[in-house]
Amino acid sequence: MRCGARRIYIISKHSYIEFASANISNGRSPYIDKKGAMIVAENKKNQLRDETIDFAIAVSDVCDHIQGCSVYVNQLLRCSSSIGANVHEARYAQSRADFISKLEIALKESSETDYWLELLYRKQKMSNECYTALKNQCGTIRRKLIASVTTAKA
């Protein structure tokens, strides 16, 4: 359903994911300035970090309802929360190389998260709507990380 400039995806009757879409089609990240430092603008302050936290919470809410497959669920929880942890660490990087490294680790974790989501979906442990919403949000975060890494390296 659409609600203004935000999209809301229902995961279950008790939880939902809400996130705004960002225009990164030009390959520039809305979160990184030309010098490679994270932008701390009033309206974008911690936006990527907040999105990764919201994503980790949504994944956690879904995993709470999955029966069995505890090894897969544990892996999904670990890598989905690691995305935000690395984005947070990047904010306090000691150097530009460290900053880029943390974002690249977050990017790898988002790819791993996508894998575990697909695996649990194929095992029929989550609904199509839930899988699609989480996969889309993970993809959005991944695209923002790609743009951020590209900008930081430039």
Foldseek 3Di string as FASTA:
>chain_A
DDDPQKDWADFDPVDIAIDGADDCVVLAAPQADLQLAGDCDPVCHCRLLVLLVSLLVLLVVLLVQFPDPVVLSVLLNVLSNLLSVLCVVLNVAPDLVRNLVSLVSSLVSLVSNLVSLVVCVVVVRGDPSNSVVSNVSSVSSNSNSSSSSVSSVD
